[in-house]
C-alpha atoms as a PDB file:
ATOM      1  CA  MET A   1      32.991 -41.950  48.340  1.00  0.00           C
ATOM      2  CA  LYS A   2      35.377 -41.110  45.075  1.00  0.00           C
ATOM      3  CA  LYS A   3      32.051 -42.042  42.996  1.00  0.00           C
ATOM      4  CA  TYR A   4      30.445 -39.568  44.399  1.00  0.00           C
ATOM      5  CA  LYS A   5      33.008 -36.831  44.914  1.00  0.00           C
ATOM      6  CA  ASN A   6      33.482 -37.216  40.925  1.00  0.00           C
ATOM      7  CA  THR A   7      29.397 -37.245  40.238  1.00  0.00           C
ATOM      8  CA  LEU A   8      29.054 -33.860  43.187  1.00  0.00           C
ATOM      9  CA  SER A   9      31.972 -31.989  40.884  1.00  0.00           C
ATOM     10  CA  ILE A  10      29.923 -32.838  38.036  1.00  0.00           C
ATOM     11  CA  LEU A  11      26.840 -31.373  39.467  1.00  0.00           C
ATOM     12  CA  ILE A  12      28.579 -28.220  40.453  1.00  0.00           C
ATOM     13  CA  TYR A  13      29.921 -27.824  36.905  1.00  0.00           C
ATOM     14  CA  ILE A  14      26.682 -28.270  35.371  1.00  0.00           C
ATOM     15  CA  ILE A  15      25.472 -25.698  37.761  1.00  0.00           C
ATOM     16  CA  LEU A  16      27.778 -23.359  37.264  1.00  0.00           C
ATOM     17  CA  PHE A  17      27.763 -23.783  33.238  1.00  0.00           C
ATOM     18  CA  SER A  18      24.019 -23.016  33.578  1.00  0.00           C
ATOM     19  CA  CYS A  19      24.528 -20.011  35.577  1.00  0.00           C
ATOM     20  CA  ARG A  20      26.855 -18.347  32.503  1.00  0.00           C
ATOM     21  CA  GLN A  21      24.965 -19.661  30.075  1.00  0.00           C
ATOM     22  CA  SER A  22      21.540 -17.906  31.285  1.00  0.00           C
ATOM     23  CA  GLU A  23      20.456 -14.764  29.402  1.00  0.00           C
ATOM     24  CA  PRO A  24      18.434 -12.257  31.231  1.00  0.00           C
ATOM     25  CA  ILE A  25      14.777 -12.575  31.107  1.00  0.00           C
ATOM     26  CA  GLU A  26      13.460  -9.689  28.806  1.00  0.00           C
ATOM     27  CA  THR A  27      10.094  -8.356  30.063  1.00  0.00           C
ATOM     28  CA  GLU A  28       7.207  -8.830  27.327  1.00  0.00           C
ATOM     29  CA  TYR A  29       4.807  -5.904  25.663  1.00  0.00           C
ATOM     30  CA  THR A  30       1.481  -5.903  27.043  1.00  0.00           C
ATOM     31  CA  LEU A  31      -0.883  -4.143  25.375  1.00  0.00           C
ATOM     32  CA  ILE A  32      -2.573  -1.169  27.589  1.00  0.00           C
ATOM     33  CA  TRP A  33      -4.383   0.825  25.126  1.00  0.00           C
ATOM     34  CA  GLU A  34      -5.950   0.093  21.361  1.00  0.00           C
ATOM     35  CA  ASP A  35      -8.865   1.599  19.036  1.00  0.00           C
ATOM     36  CA  GLN A  36      -9.789  -0.655  16.934  1.00  0.00           C
ATOM     37  CA  PHE A  37     -11.948   1.912  15.385  1.00  0.00           C
ATOM     38  CA  ASN A  38     -15.570  -0.429  15.795  1.00  0.00           C
ATOM     39  CA  LEU A  39     -17.762   2.432  17.184  1.00  0.00           C
ATOM     40  CA  ASP A  40     -20.386   4.095  14.962  1.00  0.00           C
ATOM     41  CA  SER A  41     -17.938   7.627  15.580  1.00  0.00           C
ATOM     42  CA  ILE A  42     -14.848   8.957  16.659  1.00  0.00           C
ATOM     43  CA  ASP A  43     -14.315   7.851  20.247  1.00  0.00           C
ATOM     44  CA  SER A  44     -14.108  11.149  22.161  1.00  0.00           C
ATOM     45  CA  GLU A  45     -12.731   9.382  25.061  1.00  0.00           C
ATOM     46  CA  LYS A  46      -9.957   8.813  23.089  1.00  0.00           C
ATOM     47  CA  TRP A  47      -9.595  11.395  20.188  1.00  0.00           C
ATOM     48  CA  GLU A  48      -9.700  15.255  20.365  1.00  0.00           C
ATOM     49  CA  PHE A  49     -10.266  16.809  16.871  1.00  0.00           C
ATOM     50  CA  GLN A  50      -8.136  19.763  15.989  1.00  0.00           C
ATOM     51  CA  THR A  51      -9.828  21.887  13.719  1.00  0.00           C
ATOM     52  CA  GLY A  52      -8.937  25.336  11.472  1.00  0.00           C
ATOM     53  CA  ASP A  53      -5.566  26.862  10.016  1.00  0.00           C
ATOM     54  CA  GLY A  54      -3.694  26.526  13.433  1.00  0.00           C
ATOM     55  CA  SER A  55      -3.912  29.768  13.944  1.00  0.00           C
ATOM     56  CA  ASN A  56      -6.069  28.817  17.260  1.00  0.00           C
ATOM     57  CA  TYR A  57      -3.240  26.867  18.397  1.00  0.00           C
ATOM     58  CA  GLY A  58      -0.522  29.664  17.390  1.00  0.00           C
ATOM     59  CA  LEU A  59       0.586  27.861  14.665  1.00  0.00           C
ATOM     60  CA  SER A  60      -0.600  29.925  11.102  1.00  0.00           C
ATOM     61  CA  LYS A  61      -0.592  27.194   8.697  1.00  0.00           C
ATOM     62  CA  TRP A  62       0.059  24.833  11.146  1.00  0.00           C
ATOM     63  CA  GLY A  63       3.665  26.008  11.312  1.00  0.00           C
ATOM     64  CA  ASN A  64       4.499  24.291   7.580  1.00  0.00           C
ATOM     65  CA  ASN A  65       2.478  26.462   4.771  1.00  0.00           C
ATOM     66  CA  GLU A  66       0.190  23.730   4.802  1.00  0.00           C
ATOM     67  CA  GLU A  67      -3.059  24.639   2.495  1.00  0.00           C
ATOM     68  CA  GLN A  68      -5.816  22.569   4.036  1.00  0.00           C
ATOM     69  CA  TYR A  69      -8.343  23.745   6.717  1.00  0.00           C
ATOM     70  CA  TYR A  70      -9.106  20.858   9.145  1.00  0.00           C
ATOM     71  CA  ARG A  71     -12.955  19.997   9.630  1.00  0.00           C
ATOM     72  CA  LYS A  72     -14.567  17.571  12.254  1.00  0.00           C
ATOM     73  CA  GLU A  73     -16.726  16.418   9.030  1.00  0.00           C
ATOM     74  CA  ASN A  74     -13.675  15.153   7.222  1.00  0.00           C
ATOM     75  CA  ALA A  75     -13.141  12.142   9.835  1.00  0.00           C
ATOM     76  CA  ARG A  76     -15.449   9.202  10.283  1.00  0.00           C
ATOM     77  CA  ILE A  77     -15.606   5.151  11.048  1.00  0.00           C
ATOM     78  CA  ASN A  78     -16.839   3.034   7.959  1.00  0.00           C
ATOM     79  CA  ASN A  79     -16.928  -0.509   8.067  1.00  0.00           C
ATOM     80  CA  GLY A  80     -14.181  -0.784  11.326  1.00  0.00           C
ATOM     81  CA  LYS A  81     -11.944   1.853   9.678  1.00  0.00           C
ATOM     82  CA  LEU A  82     -11.093   5.398  10.791  1.00  0.00           C
ATOM     83  CA  LEU A  83     -11.395   7.514   7.332  1.00  0.00           C
ATOM     84  CA  ILE A  84      -9.197  11.209   7.178  1.00  0.00           C
ATOM     85  CA  LYS A  85     -10.624  12.550   3.879  1.00  0.00           C
ATOM     86  CA  ALA A  86      -8.756  15.490   2.125  1.00  0.00           C
ATOM     87  CA  ILE A  87     -10.772  16.817  -0.920  1.00  0.00           C
ATOM     88  CA  ALA A  88     -10.318  20.014  -3.093  1.00  0.00           C
ATOM     89  CA  GLU A  89     -13.085  22.539  -1.817  1.00  0.00           C
ATOM     90  CA  ASN A  90     -13.849  25.722  -0.863  1.00  0.00           C
ATOM     91  CA  TYR A  91     -13.996  26.200   2.674  1.00  0.00           C
ATOM     92  CA  ASN A  92     -13.213  29.613   5.130  1.00  0.00           C
ATOM     93  CA  ASN A  93     -11.356  31.063   2.049  1.00  0.00           C
ATOM     94  CA  TYR A  94      -9.208  27.769   1.737  1.00  0.00           C
ATOM     95  CA  LYS A  95      -9.336  25.416  -1.114  1.00  0.00           C
ATOM     96  CA  TYR A  96      -8.631  21.971   0.430  1.00  0.00           C
ATOM     97  CA  THR A  97     -10.265  20.293   3.580  1.00  0.00           C
ATOM     98  CA  SER A  98      -8.954  17.462   5.777  1.00  0.00           C
ATOM     99  CA  ALA A  99      -9.045  16.002   9.393  1.00  0.00           C
ATOM    100  CA  ARG A 100      -6.415  16.048  12.434  1.00  0.00           C
ATOM    101  CA  ILE A 101      -7.027  13.873  15.780  1.00  0.00           C
ATOM    102  CA  ARG A 102      -4.894  13.427  18.627  1.00  0.00           C
ATOM    103  CA  THR A 103      -4.784  11.847  21.714  1.00  0.00           C
ATOM    104  CA  LYS A 104      -3.696  14.621  24.073  1.00  0.00           C
ATOM    105  CA  GLU A 105      -4.626  14.633  28.074  1.00  0.00           C
ATOM    106  CA  LYS A 106      -6.816  11.350  27.124  1.00  0.00           C
ATOM    107  CA  ALA A 107      -4.520   8.615  26.076  1.00  0.00           C
ATOM    108  CA  ASP A 108      -0.293   9.632  26.525  1.00  0.00           C
ATOM    109  CA  PHE A 109       2.227   7.616  26.884  1.00  0.00           C
ATOM    110  CA  LYS A 110       6.244   7.564  28.248  1.00  0.00           C
ATOM    111  CA  TYR A 111       8.041   4.964  26.276  1.00  0.00           C
ATOM    112  CA  GLY A 112       6.410   1.723  24.701  1.00  0.00           C
ATOM    113  CA  LYS A 113       5.512   0.002  21.329  1.00  0.00           C
ATOM    114  CA  ILE A 114       3.467   1.937  19.668  1.00  0.00           C
ATOM    115  CA  GLU A 115       1.805   0.762  15.809  1.00  0.00           C
ATOM    116  CA  ALA A 116      -0.852   1.564  13.720  1.00  0.00           C
ATOM    117  CA  MET A 117      -2.247  -0.338  10.548  1.00  0.00           C
ATOM    118  CA  ILE A 118      -2.682   2.382   7.771  1.00  0.00           C
ATOM    119  CA  ARG A 119      -3.340   2.359   4.016  1.00  0.00           C
ATOM    120  CA  MET A 120      -2.957   5.699   1.997  1.00  0.00           C
ATOM    121  CA  ALA A 121      -3.645   7.469  -1.375  1.00  0.00           C
ATOM    122  CA  ASP A 122      -0.506   8.698  -3.091  1.00  0.00           C
ATOM    123  CA  THR A 123      -2.279  11.682  -4.810  1.00  0.00           C
ATOM    124  CA  LYS A 124       0.227  14.364  -5.043  1.00  0.00           C
ATOM    125  CA  GLY A 125       0.196  16.714  -2.790  1.00  0.00           C
ATOM    126  CA  LEU A 126      -1.006  14.934   0.346  1.00  0.00           C
ATOM    127  CA  TRP A 127       1.310  14.633   3.176  1.00  0.00           C
ATOM    128  CA  HIS A 128      -0.357  11.896   5.893  1.00  0.00           C
ATOM    129  CA  ALA A 129       1.264  11.246   8.999  1.00  0.00           C
ATOM    130  CA  PHE A 130       1.319   9.318  12.309  1.00  0.00           C
ATOM    131  CA  TRP A 131       3.021  10.940  14.615  1.00  0.00           C
ATOM    132  CA  LEU A 132       4.058  11.577  18.403  1.00  0.00           C
ATOM    133  CA  LEU A 133       4.222  15.347  20.130  1.00  0.00           C
ATOM    134  CA  PRO A 134       5.240  15.747  23.779  1.00  0.00           C
ATOM    135  CA  THR A 135       1.948  16.393  26.128  1.00  0.00           C
ATOM    136  CA  ASN A 136       3.354  18.758  28.418  1.00  0.00           C
ATOM    137  CA  PRO A 137       6.176  20.377  26.971  1.00  0.00           C
ATOM    138  CA  ASN A 138       8.451  22.334  29.403  1.00  0.00           C
ATOM    139  CA  GLU A 139      10.096  23.932  25.955  1.00  0.00           C
ATOM    140  CA  ASN A 140       8.142  24.765  22.816  1.00  0.00           C
ATOM    141  CA  TRP A 141       8.906  22.737  19.529  1.00  0.00           C
ATOM    142  CA  PRO A 142      11.717  21.299  18.573  1.00  0.00           C
ATOM    143  CA  ILE A 143      13.509  21.418  22.135  1.00  0.00           C
ATOM    144  CA  SER A 144      10.595  19.485  23.281  1.00  0.00           C
ATOM    145  CA  GLY A 145      11.065  16.573  20.540  1.00  0.00           C
ATOM    146  CA  GLU A 146       9.002  15.300  18.126  1.00  0.00           C
ATOM    147  CA  ILE A 147       8.831  11.368  16.903  1.00  0.00           C
ATOM    148  CA  ASP A 148       7.127  10.811  13.499  1.00  0.00           C
ATOM    149  CA  ILE A 149       6.350   7.323  13.288  1.00  0.00           C
ATOM    150  CA  MET A 150       5.516   7.268   9.788  1.00  0.00           C
ATOM    151  CA  GLU A 151       4.861  10.292   7.094  1.00  0.00           C
ATOM    152  CA  TYR A 152       4.390   9.461   3.760  1.00  0.00           C
ATOM    153  CA  VAL A 153       3.963  11.915   0.690  1.00  0.00           C
ATOM    154  CA  GLY A 154       2.179  11.808  -2.808  1.00  0.00           C
ATOM    155  CA  ASN A 155       4.901  13.787  -4.275  1.00  0.00           C
ATOM    156  CA  ALA A 156       7.323  10.942  -2.993  1.00  0.00           C
ATOM    157  CA  PRO A 157       5.579   8.021  -3.522  1.00  0.00           C
ATOM    158  CA  GLN A 158       8.412   5.274  -3.161  1.00  0.00           C
ATOM    159  CA  GLU A 159       9.752   6.234   0.069  1.00  0.00           C
ATOM    160  CA  ILE A 160       8.133   6.267   3.896  1.00  0.00           C
ATOM    161  CA  LEU A 161       9.893   8.556   5.968  1.00  0.00           C
ATOM    162  CA  ASN A 162      10.813   8.005   9.728  1.00  0.00           C
ATOM    163  CA  THR A 163      12.282  11.131  11.755  1.00  0.00           C
ATOM    164  CA  LEU A 164      13.143  12.682  14.949  1.00  0.00           C
ATOM    165  CA  HIS A 165      13.211  16.470  15.464  1.00  0.00           C
ATOM    166  CA  PHE A 166      14.708  17.853  18.608  1.00  0.00           C
ATOM    167  CA  ALA A 167      17.057  20.860  19.271  1.00  0.00           C
ATOM    168  CA  ASP A 168      20.799  21.168  19.369  1.00  0.00           C
ATOM    169  CA  ASN A 169      22.703  22.931  22.662  1.00  0.00           C
ATOM    170  CA  PHE A 170      21.839  26.608  20.821  1.00  0.00           C
ATOM    171  CA  ASN A 171      18.027  25.444  20.408  1.00  0.00           C
ATOM    172  CA  ASN A 172      18.404  25.136  17.039  1.00  0.00           C
ATOM    173  CA  HIS A 173      15.579  23.157  15.070  1.00  0.00           C
ATOM    174  CA  GLN A 174      17.614  19.562  14.271  1.00  0.00           C
ATOM    175  CA  TYR A 175      16.323  16.144  12.923  1.00  0.00           C
ATOM    176  CA  ILE A 176      17.773  12.911  12.299  1.00  0.00           C
ATOM    177  CA  GLY A 177      15.764  10.836   9.547  1.00  0.00           C
ATOM    178  CA  SER A 178      15.873   8.023   7.100  1.00  0.00           C
ATOM    179  CA  PRO A 179      13.715   7.274   3.892  1.00  0.00           C
ATOM    180  CA  THR A 180      12.563   3.224   3.837  1.00  0.00           C
ATOM    181  CA  LEU A 181      11.613   2.285   0.038  1.00  0.00           C
ATOM    182  CA  PHE A 182       8.232   1.452  -0.077  1.00  0.00           C
ATOM    183  CA  THR A 183       5.896   0.331  -2.620  1.00  0.00           C
ATOM    184  CA  ASN A 184       2.245   1.430  -2.099  1.00  0.00           C
ATOM    185  CA  ASP A 185       0.372  -1.407  -3.183  1.00  0.00           C
ATOM    186  CA  LYS A 186      -2.989   0.292  -1.855  1.00  0.00           C
ATOM    187  CA  GLN A 187      -3.134  -2.110   0.777  1.00  0.00           C
ATOM    188  CA  PHE A 188      -2.670  -1.532   4.603  1.00  0.00           C
ATOM    189  CA  HIS A 189       1.005  -1.793   6.301  1.00  0.00           C
ATOM    190  CA  LEU A 190       1.767  -1.841   9.435  1.00  0.00           C
ATOM    191  CA  TYR A 191       3.694   1.170  10.998  1.00  0.00           C
ATOM    192  CA  GLY A 192       5.464   1.186  14.606  1.00  0.00           C
ATOM    193  CA  ILE A 193       8.124   2.541  16.751  1.00  0.00           C
ATOM    194  CA  GLU A 194       9.657   0.616  20.172  1.00  0.00           C
ATOM    195  CA  TRP A 195      10.761   3.499  22.277  1.00  0.00           C
ATOM    196  CA  ASP A 196      12.616   3.082  25.727  1.00  0.00           C
ATOM    197  CA  GLU A 197      15.315   5.697  27.552  1.00  0.00           C
ATOM    198  CA  ASN A 198      17.974   4.340  25.427  1.00  0.00           C
ATOM    199  CA  LYS A 199      16.526   4.336  21.390  1.00  0.00           C
ATOM    200  CA  ILE A 200      13.833   4.307  19.218  1.00  0.00           C
ATOM    201  CA  VAL A 201      13.172   1.850  16.628  1.00  0.00           C
ATOM    202  CA  TRP A 202      11.378   2.134  13.482  1.00  0.00           C
ATOM    203  CA  PHE A 203       9.280  -1.287  11.922  1.00  0.00           C
ATOM    204  CA  ILE A 204       7.276  -1.329   8.916  1.00  0.00           C
ATOM    205  CA  ASP A 205       5.569  -4.678   8.901  1.00  0.00           C
ATOM    206  CA  ASN A 206       7.305  -5.721  11.778  1.00  0.00           C
ATOM    207  CA  GLU A 207      10.371  -5.589  10.141  1.00  0.00           C
ATOM    208  CA  GLU A 208      13.251  -2.803  11.212  1.00  0.00           C
ATOM    209  CA  THR A 209      13.837  -0.105   9.458  1.00  0.00           C
ATOM    210  CA  PHE A 210      15.607   3.124  11.247  1.00  0.00           C
ATOM    211  CA  LYS A 211      16.998   2.974  14.681  1.00  0.00           C
ATOM    212  CA  VAL A 212      18.228   6.205  16.600  1.00  0.00           C
ATOM    213  CA  ILE A 213      20.191   5.653  19.913  1.00  0.00           C
ATOM    214  CA  ARG A 214      20.187   7.849  22.696  1.00  0.00           C
ATOM    215  CA  SER A 215      24.185   7.751  22.630  1.00  0.00           C
ATOM    216  CA  ASN A 216      24.593   9.301  19.013  1.00  0.00           C
ATOM    217  CA  PRO A 217      26.433  12.299  19.595  1.00  0.00           C
ATOM    218  CA  ASN A 218      24.004  14.349  17.514  1.00  0.00           C
ATOM    219  CA  ILE A 219      21.125  13.934  20.047  1.00  0.00           C
ATOM    220  CA  SER A 220      23.049  12.939  23.302  1.00  0.00           C
ATOM    221  CA  ASP A 221      23.283  16.268  25.368  1.00  0.00           C
ATOM    222  CA  THR A 222      19.500  17.574  24.791  1.00  0.00           C
ATOM    223  CA  TRP A 223      17.825  14.340  23.908  1.00  0.00           C
ATOM    224  CA  PRO A 224      14.232  14.986  24.964  1.00  0.00           C
ATOM    225  CA  PHE A 225      12.080  11.612  24.913  1.00  0.00           C
ATOM    226  CA  ASP A 226      12.023  10.775  28.456  1.00  0.00           C
ATOM    227  CA  ALA A 227       8.141  12.709  28.850  1.00  0.00           C
ATOM    228  CA  GLU A 228       4.906  11.638  28.366  1.00  0.00           C
ATOM    229  CA  PHE A 229       3.422  11.964  24.216  1.00  0.00           C
ATOM    230  CA  HIS A 230       0.501  11.438  22.472  1.00  0.00           C
ATOM    231  CA  ILE A 231      -0.656  10.213  19.323  1.00  0.00           C
ATOM    232  CA  LEU A 232      -1.673  12.215  16.232  1.00  0.00           C
ATOM    233  CA  LEU A 233      -3.422  11.179  13.140  1.00  0.00           C
ATOM    234  CA  ASN A 234      -3.737  13.708   9.854  1.00  0.00           C
ATOM    235  CA  THR A 235      -3.505  14.330   6.383  1.00  0.00           C
ATOM    236  CA  ALA A 236      -1.976  17.424   5.660  1.00  0.00           C
ATOM    237  CA  VAL A 237      -2.692  19.199   1.717  1.00  0.00           C
ATOM    238  CA  GLY A 238       0.622  21.021   0.418  1.00  0.00           C
ATOM    239  CA  GLY A 239       3.019  22.789   2.999  1.00  0.00           C
ATOM    240  CA  ASN A 240       6.928  22.751   3.009  1.00  0.00           C
ATOM    241  CA  LEU A 241       6.606  18.619   2.757  1.00  0.00           C
ATOM    242  CA  GLY A 242       3.618  17.982   0.712  1.00  0.00           C
ATOM    243  CA  GLY A 243       4.630  20.061  -2.116  1.00  0.00           C
ATOM    244  CA  GLU A 244       2.709  20.850  -5.263  1.00  0.00           C
ATOM    245  CA  ILE A 245      -0.766  19.520  -5.132  1.00  0.00           C
ATOM    246  CA  ASP A 246      -2.730  17.964  -7.998  1.00  0.00           C
ATOM    247  CA  THR A 247      -6.263  19.620  -7.556  1.00  0.00           C
ATOM    248  CA  ASN A 248      -7.619  18.106 -10.355  1.00  0.00           C
ATOM    249  CA  ALA A 249      -7.379  14.547  -8.426  1.00  0.00           C
ATOM    250  CA  LEU A 250      -8.339  16.051  -5.059  1.00  0.00           C
ATOM    251  CA  LYS A 251     -11.823  16.967  -6.375  1.00  0.00           C
ATOM    252  CA  LYS A 252     -12.370  13.633  -5.623  1.00  0.00           C
ATOM    253  CA  ALA A 253     -11.895  12.607  -2.226  1.00  0.00           C
ATOM    254  CA  LYS A 254      -8.677  10.949  -1.189  1.00  0.00           C
ATOM    255  CA  TYR A 255      -8.276   8.916   2.279  1.00  0.00           C
ATOM    256  CA  MET A 256      -5.897   7.938   5.068  1.00  0.00           C
ATOM    257  CA  GLU A 257      -7.361   4.832   6.744  1.00  0.00           C
ATOM    258  CA  VAL A 258      -6.415   3.572   9.596  1.00  0.00           C
ATOM    259  CA  ASP A 259      -7.806  -0.201  10.714  1.00  0.00           C
ATOM    260  CA  TYR A 260      -6.247  -0.007  14.469  1.00  0.00           C
ATOM    261  CA  VAL A 261      -3.532   1.965  16.809  1.00  0.00           C
ATOM    262  CA  LYS A 262      -2.311   0.163  19.444  1.00  0.00           C
ATOM    263  CA  VAL A 263       0.288   0.549  22.074  1.00  0.00           C
ATOM    264  CA  TYR A 264       2.043  -1.908  24.343  1.00  0.00           C
ATOM    265  CA  GLN A 265       4.569  -1.124  27.313  1.00  0.00           C
ATOM    266  CA  LYS A 266       6.359  -3.214  28.998  1.00  0.00           C
ATOM    267  CA  LEU A 267       4.920  -3.673  32.821  1.00  0.00           C
END
């Protein structure tokens, strides 16, 4: 009987110890949307072209003094890659053309892991972006927020920009961002975020580069990132961030190449 009691005590201790040591099970990400650009043309069920100089969207020069005119003809699929072409050419009183596409009202997401495999030219004046905007904002920008997963500027080829845009309590534009050192080796790299109700974390090639948590006092009162957002891909020319343009270099087409875009969520 004593031996039985000792054995029972040991079993109870093991069970209690195991319960104390167990960790909550973390839900795995599940792929819910992707484009691997394996069709002959850009999939109109997934992407919408935004063309022009922004005026038809109420954003003259896209709100950033950009110097390109976006054309549908400047984006195409080639060998399983999306190619966005920026080039110096005269079109509709603009000296440069490029392309911009988005998933608005075709694929909109609230939270998740969003990533793209991208290669970009580092020509001066180019401003490549992989980013998110709210699909049905209740307020105007920047109150409604913006998530820049990746921005790459030819005039600063040694860094990748990760940035959040939002507003303060007085609706003034604010941003939190961080440059990540980068060497453009002309290869594809994976850019992404993991986003939930408490934080947004940025990654390059699956290595964490930046994080913003909701409790950050600079953003906690006006955090706008609990809504559905959509994906944008574009290459701007010049403008507030693009800066000085190497027109001679752009006489030959330069590209943003995208191998794939994928979105995962915890189901």
